[in-house]
Protein backbone atom coordinates (compact mmCIF):
# COMPACT_ATOMS: atom_id res chain seq x y z
CA UNK A 1 0.00 0.00 0.00
CA UNK A 2 1.40 3.41 -0.94
CA UNK A 3 1.47 6.58 1.09
CA UNK A 4 2.08 9.98 -0.40
CA UNK A 5 3.34 12.82 1.78
CA UNK A 6 2.37 16.07 0.13
CA UNK A 7 3.39 18.42 2.94
CA UNK A 8 7.04 19.49 2.66
CA UNK A 9 7.48 19.90 6.44
CA UNK A 10 6.12 16.42 7.11
CA UNK A 11 8.35 14.97 4.39
CA UNK A 12 11.37 16.72 5.91
CA UNK A 13 10.58 15.41 9.40
CA UNK A 14 10.23 11.85 8.10
CA UNK A 15 13.52 12.12 6.21
CA UNK A 16 15.36 13.56 9.22
CA UNK A 17 14.12 10.78 11.50
CA UNK A 18 14.98 8.19 8.85
CA UNK A 19 18.48 9.63 8.52
CA UNK A 20 19.06 9.72 12.27
CA UNK A 21 17.79 6.19 12.95
CA UNK A 22 18.93 4.40 9.80
CA UNK A 23 15.35 3.28 9.20
CA UNK A 24 13.56 3.56 5.90
CA UNK A 25 11.12 6.44 5.67
CA UNK A 26 8.27 3.93 5.95
CA UNK A 27 9.77 2.44 9.13
CA UNK A 28 10.36 5.91 10.58
CA UNK A 29 6.75 6.88 9.93
CA UNK A 30 5.49 3.56 11.33
CA UNK A 31 7.47 3.88 14.56
CA UNK A 32 6.51 7.52 14.98
CA UNK A 33 2.82 6.74 14.56
CA UNK A 34 3.11 3.71 16.84
CA UNK A 35 4.75 5.85 19.54
CA UNK A 36 2.10 8.57 19.21
CA UNK A 37 -0.72 6.02 19.45
CA UNK A 38 0.75 4.44 22.59
CA UNK A 39 1.12 7.89 24.14
CA UNK A 40 -2.49 8.81 23.37
CA UNK A 41 -3.78 5.48 24.67
CA UNK A 42 -1.76 5.96 27.85
CA UNK A 43 -3.27 9.40 28.37
CA UNK A 44 -6.73 7.96 27.91
CA UNK A 45 -5.97 5.19 30.42
CA UNK A 46 -4.73 7.82 32.89
CA UNK A 47 -7.96 9.81 32.60
CA UNK A 48 -9.99 6.65 33.19
CA UNK A 49 -7.88 6.00 36.27
CA UNK A 50 -8.50 9.53 37.51
CA UNK A 51 -12.25 9.03 37.12
CA UNK A 52 -11.99 5.83 39.16
CA UNK A 53 -9.94 7.62 41.83
CA UNK A 54 -12.63 10.29 42.13
CA UNK A 55 -15.29 7.61 42.62
CA UNK A 56 -13.20 5.99 45.37
CA UNK A 57 -12.62 9.38 47.03
CA UNK A 58 -16.35 9.98 47.16
CA UNK A 59 -16.96 6.52 48.63
CA UNK A 60 -14.36 7.16 51.35
CA UNK A 61 -15.78 10.60 52.15
CA UNK A 62 -19.20 9.03 52.78
CA UNK A 63 -17.70 6.59 55.30
CA UNK A 64 -15.70 9.15 57.26
CA UNK A 65 -17.75 10.99 59.84
CA UNK A 66 -17.64 14.76 59.94
CA UNK A 67 -15.18 16.07 62.46
CA UNK A 68 -12.74 13.19 61.91
CA UNK A 69 -9.14 14.09 61.35
CA UNK A 70 -6.40 12.26 59.51
CA UNK A 71 -4.94 11.13 62.85
CA UNK A 72 -8.24 9.40 63.72
CA UNK A 73 -7.92 6.90 60.88
CA UNK A 74 -7.23 3.95 63.20
CA UNK A 75 -10.75 4.09 64.66
CA UNK A 76 -12.24 4.27 61.19
CA UNK A 77 -10.20 1.49 59.59
CA UNK A 78 -9.72 -0.99 62.47
CA UNK A 79 -11.98 -2.60 65.08
CA UNK A 80 -11.28 -2.86 68.84
CA UNK A 81 -9.01 -5.90 68.22
CA UNK A 82 -6.91 -4.06 65.68
CA UNK A 83 -8.34 -6.00 62.74
CA UNK A 84 -9.51 -4.28 59.56
CA UNK A 85 -13.18 -3.30 59.57
CA UNK A 86 -15.36 -4.88 56.90
CA UNK A 87 -17.81 -2.08 56.13
PDB file of N, CA and C in Angstrom:
ATOM      1  N   UNK A   1       0.851  -1.167   0.000  1.00  0.00           N
ATOM      2  CA  UNK A   1       0.000   0.000   0.000  1.00  0.00           C
ATOM      3  C   UNK A   1       0.902   1.238   0.000  1.00  0.00           C
ATOM      4  N   UNK A   2       0.571   2.206  -0.801  1.00  0.00           N
ATOM      5  CA  UNK A   2       1.403   3.405  -0.938  1.00  0.00           C
ATOM      6  C   UNK A   2       0.890   4.533  -0.048  1.00  0.00           C
ATOM      7  N   UNK A   3       1.820   5.371   0.348  1.00  0.00           N
ATOM      8  CA  UNK A   3       1.474   6.580   1.086  1.00  0.00           C
ATOM      9  C   UNK A   3       2.192   7.731   0.403  1.00  0.00           C
ATOM     10  N   UNK A   4       1.502   8.823   0.264  1.00  0.00           N
ATOM     11  CA  UNK A   4       2.083   9.982  -0.399  1.00  0.00           C
ATOM     12  C   UNK A   4       2.065  11.152   0.568  1.00  0.00           C
ATOM     13  N   UNK A   5       3.244  11.664   0.891  1.00  0.00           N
ATOM     14  CA  UNK A   5       3.339  12.816   1.781  1.00  0.00           C
ATOM     15  C   UNK A   5       3.440  14.063   0.901  1.00  0.00           C
ATOM     16  N   UNK A   6       2.429  14.884   0.991  1.00  0.00           N
ATOM     17  CA  UNK A   6       2.374  16.073   0.131  1.00  0.00           C
ATOM     18  C   UNK A   6       2.791  17.347   0.853  1.00  0.00           C
ATOM     19  N   UNK A   7       2.982  17.257   2.161  1.00  0.00           N
ATOM     20  CA  UNK A   7       3.386  18.418   2.935  1.00  0.00           C
ATOM     21  C   UNK A   7       4.903  18.413   3.072  1.00  0.00           C
ATOM     22  N   UNK A   8       5.579  19.464   2.609  1.00  0.00           N
ATOM     23  CA  UNK A   8       7.044  19.492   2.656  1.00  0.00           C
ATOM     24  C   UNK A   8       7.626  19.376   4.072  1.00  0.00           C
ATOM     25  N   UNK A   9       6.974  19.981   5.059  1.00  0.00           N
ATOM     26  CA  UNK A   9       7.479  19.903   6.440  1.00  0.00           C
ATOM     27  C   UNK A   9       7.393  18.484   6.970  1.00  0.00           C
ATOM     28  N   UNK A  10       6.289  17.806   6.674  1.00  0.00           N
ATOM     29  CA  UNK A  10       6.123  16.421   7.108  1.00  0.00           C
ATOM     30  C   UNK A  10       7.146  15.524   6.428  1.00  0.00           C
ATOM     31  N   UNK A  11       7.368  15.744   5.136  1.00  0.00           N
ATOM     32  CA  UNK A  11       8.354  14.974   4.389  1.00  0.00           C
ATOM     33  C   UNK A  11       9.750  15.176   4.991  1.00  0.00           C
ATOM     34  N   UNK A  12      10.069  16.415   5.326  1.00  0.00           N
ATOM     35  CA  UNK A  12      11.373  16.724   5.910  1.00  0.00           C
ATOM     36  C   UNK A  12      11.546  16.039   7.262  1.00  0.00           C
ATOM     37  N   UNK A  13      10.504  16.080   8.098  1.00  0.00           N
ATOM     38  CA  UNK A  13      10.579  15.411   9.397  1.00  0.00           C
ATOM     39  C   UNK A  13      10.814  13.916   9.232  1.00  0.00           C
ATOM     40  N   UNK A  14      10.082  13.295   8.331  1.00  0.00           N
ATOM     41  CA  UNK A  14      10.230  11.850   8.100  1.00  0.00           C
ATOM     42  C   UNK A  14      11.641  11.530   7.615  1.00  0.00           C
ATOM     43  N   UNK A  15      12.166  12.349   6.731  1.00  0.00           N
ATOM     44  CA  UNK A  15      13.518  12.118   6.206  1.00  0.00           C
ATOM     45  C   UNK A  15      14.581  12.323   7.289  1.00  0.00           C
ATOM     46  N   UNK A  16      14.392  13.319   8.134  1.00  0.00           N
ATOM     47  CA  UNK A  16      15.356  13.558   9.218  1.00  0.00           C
ATOM     48  C   UNK A  16      15.370  12.397  10.201  1.00  0.00           C
ATOM     49  N   UNK A  17      14.186  11.921  10.576  1.00  0.00           N
ATOM     50  CA  UNK A  17      14.124  10.778  11.499  1.00  0.00           C
ATOM     51  C   UNK A  17      14.744   9.554  10.846  1.00  0.00           C
ATOM     52  N   UNK A  18      14.421   9.323   9.587  1.00  0.00           N
ATOM     53  CA  UNK A  18      14.977   8.193   8.848  1.00  0.00           C
ATOM     54  C   UNK A  18      16.499   8.259   8.823  1.00  0.00           C
ATOM     55  N   UNK A  19      17.034   9.440   8.576  1.00  0.00           N
ATOM     56  CA  UNK A  19      18.483   9.630   8.517  1.00  0.00           C
ATOM     57  C   UNK A  19      19.137   9.390   9.875  1.00  0.00           C
ATOM     58  N   UNK A  20      18.489   9.854  10.928  1.00  0.00           N
ATOM     59  CA  UNK A  20      19.062   9.719  12.272  1.00  0.00           C
ATOM     60  C   UNK A  20      19.015   8.285  12.788  1.00  0.00           C
ATOM     61  N   UNK A  21      17.983   7.538  12.413  1.00  0.00           N
ATOM     62  CA  UNK A  21      17.794   6.188  12.949  1.00  0.00           C
ATOM     63  C   UNK A  21      18.311   5.092  12.032  1.00  0.00           C
ATOM     64  N   UNK A  22      18.529   5.425  10.764  1.00  0.00           N
ATOM     65  CA  UNK A  22      18.927   4.404   9.802  1.00  0.00           C
ATOM     66  C   UNK A  22      17.752   3.580   9.297  1.00  0.00           C
ATOM     67  N   UNK A  23      16.552   3.966   9.666  1.00  0.00           N
ATOM     68  CA  UNK A  23      15.347   3.279   9.196  1.00  0.00           C
ATOM     69  C   UNK A  23      14.970   3.797   7.817  1.00  0.00           C
ATOM     70  N   UNK A  24      14.157   3.028   7.123  1.00  0.00           N
ATOM     71  CA  UNK A  24      13.562   3.560   5.904  1.00  0.00           C
ATOM     72  C   UNK A  24      12.542   4.614   6.305  1.00  0.00           C
ATOM     73  N   UNK A  25      12.128   5.422   5.368  1.00  0.00           N
ATOM     74  CA  UNK A  25      11.116   6.439   5.669  1.00  0.00           C
ATOM     75  C   UNK A  25       9.834   5.765   6.150  1.00  0.00           C
ATOM     76  N   UNK A  26       9.482   4.659   5.544  1.00  0.00           N
ATOM     77  CA  UNK A  26       8.273   3.929   5.953  1.00  0.00           C
ATOM     78  C   UNK A  26       8.397   3.450   7.401  1.00  0.00           C
ATOM     79  N   UNK A  27       9.555   2.896   7.754  1.00  0.00           N
ATOM     80  CA  UNK A  27       9.773   2.442   9.129  1.00  0.00           C
ATOM     81  C   UNK A  27       9.736   3.619  10.112  1.00  0.00           C
ATOM     82  N   UNK A  28      10.352   4.731   9.719  1.00  0.00           N
ATOM     83  CA  UNK A  28      10.363   5.912  10.584  1.00  0.00           C
ATOM     84  C   UNK A  28       8.940   6.410  10.829  1.00  0.00           C
ATOM     85  N   UNK A  29       8.141   6.444   9.786  1.00  0.00           N
ATOM     86  CA  UNK A  29       6.745   6.875   9.931  1.00  0.00           C
ATOM     87  C   UNK A  29       5.981   5.884  10.792  1.00  0.00           C
ATOM     88  N   UNK A  30       6.177   4.586  10.549  1.00  0.00           N
ATOM     89  CA  UNK A  30       5.493   3.559  11.327  1.00  0.00           C
ATOM     90  C   UNK A  30       5.805   3.698  12.815  1.00  0.00           C
ATOM     91  N   UNK A  31       7.095   3.794  13.152  1.00  0.00           N
ATOM     92  CA  UNK A  31       7.475   3.878  14.564  1.00  0.00           C
ATOM     93  C   UNK A  31       6.990   5.181  15.207  1.00  0.00           C
ATOM     94  N   UNK A  32       7.011   6.251  14.455  1.00  0.00           N
ATOM     95  CA  UNK A  32       6.511   7.523  14.978  1.00  0.00           C
ATOM     96  C   UNK A  32       5.023   7.450  15.271  1.00  0.00           C
ATOM     97  N   UNK A  33       4.266   6.872  14.349  1.00  0.00           N
ATOM     98  CA  UNK A  33       2.816   6.736  14.558  1.00  0.00           C
ATOM     99  C   UNK A  33       2.519   5.767  15.696  1.00  0.00           C
ATOM    100  N   UNK A  34       3.293   4.690  15.763  1.00  0.00           N
ATOM    101  CA  UNK A  34       3.108   3.712  16.839  1.00  0.00           C
ATOM    102  C   UNK A  34       3.362   4.364  18.208  1.00  0.00           C
ATOM    103  N   UNK A  35       4.420   5.155  18.301  1.00  0.00           N
ATOM    104  CA  UNK A  35       4.751   5.855  19.544  1.00  0.00           C
ATOM    105  C   UNK A  35       3.643   6.838  19.916  1.00  0.00           C
ATOM    106  N   UNK A  36       3.164   7.583  18.948  1.00  0.00           N
ATOM    107  CA  UNK A  36       2.102   8.569  19.213  1.00  0.00           C
ATOM    108  C   UNK A  36       0.831   7.881  19.682  1.00  0.00           C
ATOM    109  N   UNK A  37       0.477   6.761  19.052  1.00  0.00           N
ATOM    110  CA  UNK A  37      -0.722   6.019  19.445  1.00  0.00           C
ATOM    111  C   UNK A  37      -0.598   5.503  20.876  1.00  0.00           C
ATOM    112  N   UNK A  38       0.549   4.941  21.226  1.00  0.00           N
ATOM    113  CA  UNK A  38       0.752   4.444  22.590  1.00  0.00           C
ATOM    114  C   UNK A  38       0.644   5.586  23.601  1.00  0.00           C
ATOM    115  N   UNK A  39       1.185   6.729  23.256  1.00  0.00           N
ATOM    116  CA  UNK A  39       1.116   7.894  24.138  1.00  0.00           C
ATOM    117  C   UNK A  39      -0.327   8.319  24.347  1.00  0.00           C
ATOM    118  N   UNK A  40      -1.087   8.403  23.268  1.00  0.00           N
ATOM    119  CA  UNK A  40      -2.490   8.810  23.368  1.00  0.00           C
ATOM    120  C   UNK A  40      -3.313   7.791  24.152  1.00  0.00           C
ATOM    121  N   UNK A  41      -3.056   6.516  23.926  1.00  0.00           N
ATOM    122  CA  UNK A  41      -3.775   5.477  24.674  1.00  0.00           C
ATOM    123  C   UNK A  41      -3.429   5.546  26.155  1.00  0.00           C
ATOM    124  N   UNK A  42      -2.179   5.823  26.458  1.00  0.00           N
ATOM    125  CA  UNK A  42      -1.757   5.957  27.847  1.00  0.00           C
ATOM    126  C   UNK A  42      -2.460   7.129  28.516  1.00  0.00           C
ATOM    127  N   UNK A  43      -2.568   8.230  27.818  1.00  0.00           N
ATOM    128  CA  UNK A  43      -3.266   9.396  28.366  1.00  0.00           C
ATOM    129  C   UNK A  43      -4.724   9.070  28.636  1.00  0.00           C
ATOM    130  N   UNK A  44      -5.330   8.338  27.721  1.00  0.00           N
ATOM    131  CA  UNK A  44      -6.732   7.963  27.905  1.00  0.00           C
ATOM    132  C   UNK A  44      -6.872   7.038  29.103  1.00  0.00           C
ATOM    133  N   UNK A  45      -5.942   6.094  29.259  1.00  0.00           N
ATOM    134  CA  UNK A  45      -5.969   5.193  30.416  1.00  0.00           C
ATOM    135  C   UNK A  45      -5.807   5.971  31.713  1.00  0.00           C
ATOM    136  N   UNK A  46      -4.934   7.000  31.704  1.00  0.00           N
ATOM    137  CA  UNK A  46      -4.734   7.818  32.895  1.00  0.00           C
ATOM    138  C   UNK A  46      -6.012   8.553  33.274  1.00  0.00           C
ATOM    139  N   UNK A  47      -6.737   9.068  32.275  1.00  0.00           N
ATOM    140  CA  UNK A  47      -7.957   9.805  32.599  1.00  0.00           C
ATOM    141  C   UNK A  47      -9.025   8.859  33.144  1.00  0.00           C
ATOM    142  N   UNK A  48      -9.058   7.638  32.647  1.00  0.00           N
ATOM    143  CA  UNK A  48      -9.993   6.652  33.189  1.00  0.00           C
ATOM    144  C   UNK A  48      -9.625   6.362  34.636  1.00  0.00           C
ATOM    145  N   UNK A  49      -8.336   6.250  34.914  1.00  0.00           N
ATOM    146  CA  UNK A  49      -7.884   5.996  36.271  1.00  0.00           C
ATOM    147  C   UNK A  49      -8.261   7.148  37.196  1.00  0.00           C
ATOM    148  N   UNK A  50      -8.131   8.375  36.700  1.00  0.00           N
ATOM    149  CA  UNK A  50      -8.497   9.534  37.511  1.00  0.00           C
ATOM    150  C   UNK A  50      -9.988   9.528  37.828  1.00  0.00           C
ATOM    151  N   UNK A  51     -10.807   9.129  36.863  1.00  0.00           N
ATOM    152  CA  UNK A  51     -12.246   9.028  37.118  1.00  0.00           C
ATOM    153  C   UNK A  51     -12.512   8.001  38.211  1.00  0.00           C
ATOM    154  N   UNK A  52     -11.830   6.880  38.152  1.00  0.00           N
ATOM    155  CA  UNK A  52     -11.990   5.828  39.159  1.00  0.00           C
ATOM    156  C   UNK A  52     -11.534   6.322  40.527  1.00  0.00           C
ATOM    157  N   UNK A  53     -10.439   7.065  40.559  1.00  0.00           N
ATOM    158  CA  UNK A  53      -9.943   7.615  41.826  1.00  0.00           C
ATOM    159  C   UNK A  53     -10.976   8.549  42.441  1.00  0.00           C
ATOM    160  N   UNK A  54     -11.614   9.371  41.617  1.00  0.00           N
ATOM    161  CA  UNK A  54     -12.632  10.291  42.130  1.00  0.00           C
ATOM    162  C   UNK A  54     -13.816   9.537  42.723  1.00  0.00           C
ATOM    163  N   UNK A  55     -14.202   8.437  42.093  1.00  0.00           N
ATOM    164  CA  UNK A  55     -15.292   7.608  42.617  1.00  0.00           C
ATOM    165  C   UNK A  55     -14.904   7.047  43.982  1.00  0.00           C
ATOM    166  N   UNK A  56     -13.686   6.547  44.095  1.00  0.00           N
ATOM    167  CA  UNK A  56     -13.205   5.992  45.368  1.00  0.00           C
ATOM    168  C   UNK A  56     -13.142   7.075  46.436  1.00  0.00           C
ATOM    169  N   UNK A  57     -12.660   8.272  46.068  1.00  0.00           N
ATOM    170  CA  UNK A  57     -12.615   9.377  47.032  1.00  0.00           C
ATOM    171  C   UNK A  57     -14.005   9.672  47.582  1.00  0.00           C
ATOM    172  N   UNK A  58     -14.983   9.709  46.713  1.00  0.00           N
ATOM    173  CA  UNK A  58     -16.353   9.981  47.165  1.00  0.00           C
ATOM    174  C   UNK A  58     -16.871   8.885  48.084  1.00  0.00           C
ATOM    175  N   UNK A  59     -16.536   7.629  47.783  1.00  0.00           N
ATOM    176  CA  UNK A  59     -16.958   6.522  48.632  1.00  0.00           C
ATOM    177  C   UNK A  59     -16.328   6.634  50.015  1.00  0.00           C
ATOM    178  N   UNK A  60     -15.056   7.009  50.067  1.00  0.00           N
ATOM    179  CA  UNK A  60     -14.359   7.155  51.348  1.00  0.00           C
ATOM    180  C   UNK A  60     -14.947   8.312  52.144  1.00  0.00           C
ATOM    181  N   UNK A  61     -15.210   9.433  51.467  1.00  0.00           N
ATOM    182  CA  UNK A  61     -15.785  10.598  52.151  1.00  0.00           C
ATOM    183  C   UNK A  61     -17.092  10.246  52.842  1.00  0.00           C
ATOM    184  N   UNK A  62     -17.904   9.413  52.198  1.00  0.00           N
ATOM    185  CA  UNK A  62     -19.197   9.027  52.778  1.00  0.00           C
ATOM    186  C   UNK A  62     -19.019   8.200  54.046  1.00  0.00           C
ATOM    187  N   UNK A  63     -17.920   7.469  54.141  1.00  0.00           N
ATOM    188  CA  UNK A  63     -17.699   6.593  55.296  1.00  0.00           C
ATOM    189  C   UNK A  63     -17.024   7.303  56.461  1.00  0.00           C
ATOM    190  N   UNK A  64     -16.391   8.429  56.195  1.00  0.00           N
ATOM    191  CA  UNK A  64     -15.699   9.153  57.258  1.00  0.00           C
ATOM    192  C   UNK A  64     -16.668  10.160  57.868  1.00  0.00           C
ATOM    193  N   UNK A  65     -16.821  10.078  59.167  1.00  0.00           N
ATOM    194  CA  UNK A  65     -17.746  10.991  59.837  1.00  0.00           C
ATOM    195  C   UNK A  65     -17.176  12.398  59.859  1.00  0.00           C
ATOM    196  N   UNK A  66     -18.068  13.364  59.881  1.00  0.00           N
ATOM    197  CA  UNK A  66     -17.641  14.756  59.944  1.00  0.00           C
ATOM    198  C   UNK A  66     -16.951  14.983  61.278  1.00  0.00           C
ATOM    199  N   UNK A  67     -15.927  15.795  61.249  1.00  0.00           N
ATOM    200  CA  UNK A  67     -15.176  16.071  62.465  1.00  0.00           C
ATOM    201  C   UNK A  67     -13.998  15.132  62.653  1.00  0.00           C
ATOM    202  N   UNK A  68     -13.897  14.093  61.823  1.00  0.00           N
ATOM    203  CA  UNK A  68     -12.741  13.191  61.912  1.00  0.00           C
ATOM    204  C   UNK A  68     -11.523  13.883  61.325  1.00  0.00           C
ATOM    205  N   UNK A  69     -10.386  13.541  61.847  1.00  0.00           N
ATOM    206  CA  UNK A  69      -9.136  14.089  61.352  1.00  0.00           C
ATOM    207  C   UNK A  69      -8.271  12.945  60.848  1.00  0.00           C
ATOM    208  N   UNK A  70      -7.263  13.291  60.083  1.00  0.00           N
ATOM    209  CA  UNK A  70      -6.405  12.257  59.514  1.00  0.00           C
ATOM    210  C   UNK A  70      -5.762  11.385  60.592  1.00  0.00           C
ATOM    211  N   UNK A  71      -5.548  11.918  61.787  1.00  0.00           N
ATOM    212  CA  UNK A  71      -4.938  11.128  62.849  1.00  0.00           C
ATOM    213  C   UNK A  71      -5.915  10.123  63.465  1.00  0.00           C
ATOM    214  N   UNK A  72      -7.222  10.285  63.167  1.00  0.00           N
ATOM    215  CA  UNK A  72      -8.237   9.396  63.721  1.00  0.00           C
ATOM    216  C   UNK A  72      -8.481   8.171  62.840  1.00  0.00           C
ATOM    217  N   UNK A  73      -7.651   7.956  61.848  1.00  0.00           N
ATOM    218  CA  UNK A  73      -7.922   6.901  60.882  1.00  0.00           C
ATOM    219  C   UNK A  73      -7.951   5.501  61.497  1.00  0.00           C
ATOM    220  N   UNK A  74      -7.250   5.277  62.581  1.00  0.00           N
ATOM    221  CA  UNK A  74      -7.235   3.948  63.204  1.00  0.00           C
ATOM    222  C   UNK A  74      -8.613   3.506  63.637  1.00  0.00           C
ATOM    223  N   UNK A  75      -9.388   4.416  64.221  1.00  0.00           N
ATOM    224  CA  UNK A  75     -10.746   4.086  64.663  1.00  0.00           C
ATOM    225  C   UNK A  75     -11.667   3.806  63.485  1.00  0.00           C
ATOM    226  N   UNK A  76     -11.396   4.441  62.377  1.00  0.00           N
ATOM    227  CA  UNK A  76     -12.238   4.273  61.188  1.00  0.00           C
ATOM    228  C   UNK A  76     -11.915   2.962  60.472  1.00  0.00           C
ATOM    229  N   UNK A  77     -10.637   2.640  60.393  1.00  0.00           N
ATOM    230  CA  UNK A  77     -10.204   1.488  59.593  1.00  0.00           C
ATOM    231  C   UNK A  77     -10.140   0.174  60.364  1.00  0.00           C
ATOM    232  N   UNK A  78      -9.948   0.239  61.704  1.00  0.00           N
ATOM    233  CA  UNK A  78      -9.723  -0.985  62.467  1.00  0.00           C
ATOM    234  C   UNK A  78     -10.712  -1.118  63.619  1.00  0.00           C
ATOM    235  N   UNK A  79     -11.059  -2.375  63.954  1.00  0.00           N
ATOM    236  CA  UNK A  79     -11.977  -2.605  65.077  1.00  0.00           C
ATOM    237  C   UNK A  79     -11.209  -2.599  66.400  1.00  0.00           C
ATOM    238  N   UNK A  80     -11.906  -2.928  67.513  1.00  0.00           N
ATOM    239  CA  UNK A  80     -11.277  -2.857  68.839  1.00  0.00           C
ATOM    240  C   UNK A  80     -10.135  -3.858  69.008  1.00  0.00           C
ATOM    241  N   UNK A  81     -10.093  -4.900  68.165  1.00  0.00           N
ATOM    242  CA  UNK A  81      -9.012  -5.904  68.219  1.00  0.00           C
ATOM    243  C   UNK A  81      -7.857  -5.582  67.269  1.00  0.00           C
ATOM    244  N   UNK A  82      -7.960  -4.452  66.584  1.00  0.00           N
ATOM    245  CA  UNK A  82      -6.908  -4.060  65.678  1.00  0.00           C
ATOM    246  C   UNK A  82      -6.998  -4.701  64.305  1.00  0.00           C
ATOM    247  N   UNK A  83      -8.145  -5.360  64.043  1.00  0.00           N
ATOM    248  CA  UNK A  83      -8.337  -5.999  62.742  1.00  0.00           C
ATOM    249  C   UNK A  83      -9.080  -5.049  61.812  1.00  0.00           C
ATOM    250  N   UNK A  84      -8.831  -5.172  60.496  1.00  0.00           N
ATOM    251  CA  UNK A  84      -9.512  -4.278  59.556  1.00  0.00           C
ATOM    252  C   UNK A  84     -11.034  -4.416  59.633  1.00  0.00           C
ATOM    253  N   UNK A  85     -11.704  -3.282  59.594  1.00  0.00           N
ATOM    254  CA  UNK A  85     -13.176  -3.300  59.574  1.00  0.00           C
ATOM    255  C   UNK A  85     -13.648  -3.756  58.213  1.00  0.00           C
ATOM    256  N   UNK A  86     -14.791  -4.378  58.154  1.00  0.00           N
ATOM    257  CA  UNK A  86     -15.357  -4.875  56.896  1.00  0.00           C
ATOM    258  C   UNK A  86     -16.656  -4.147  56.607  1.00  0.00           C
ATOM    259  N   UNK A  87     -16.579  -2.863  56.391  1.00  0.00           N
ATOM    260  CA  UNK A  87     -17.806  -2.078  56.127  1.00  0.00           C
ATOM    261  C   UNK A  87     -18.045  -1.990  54.662  1.00  0.00           C
TER     262      UNK A  87
END
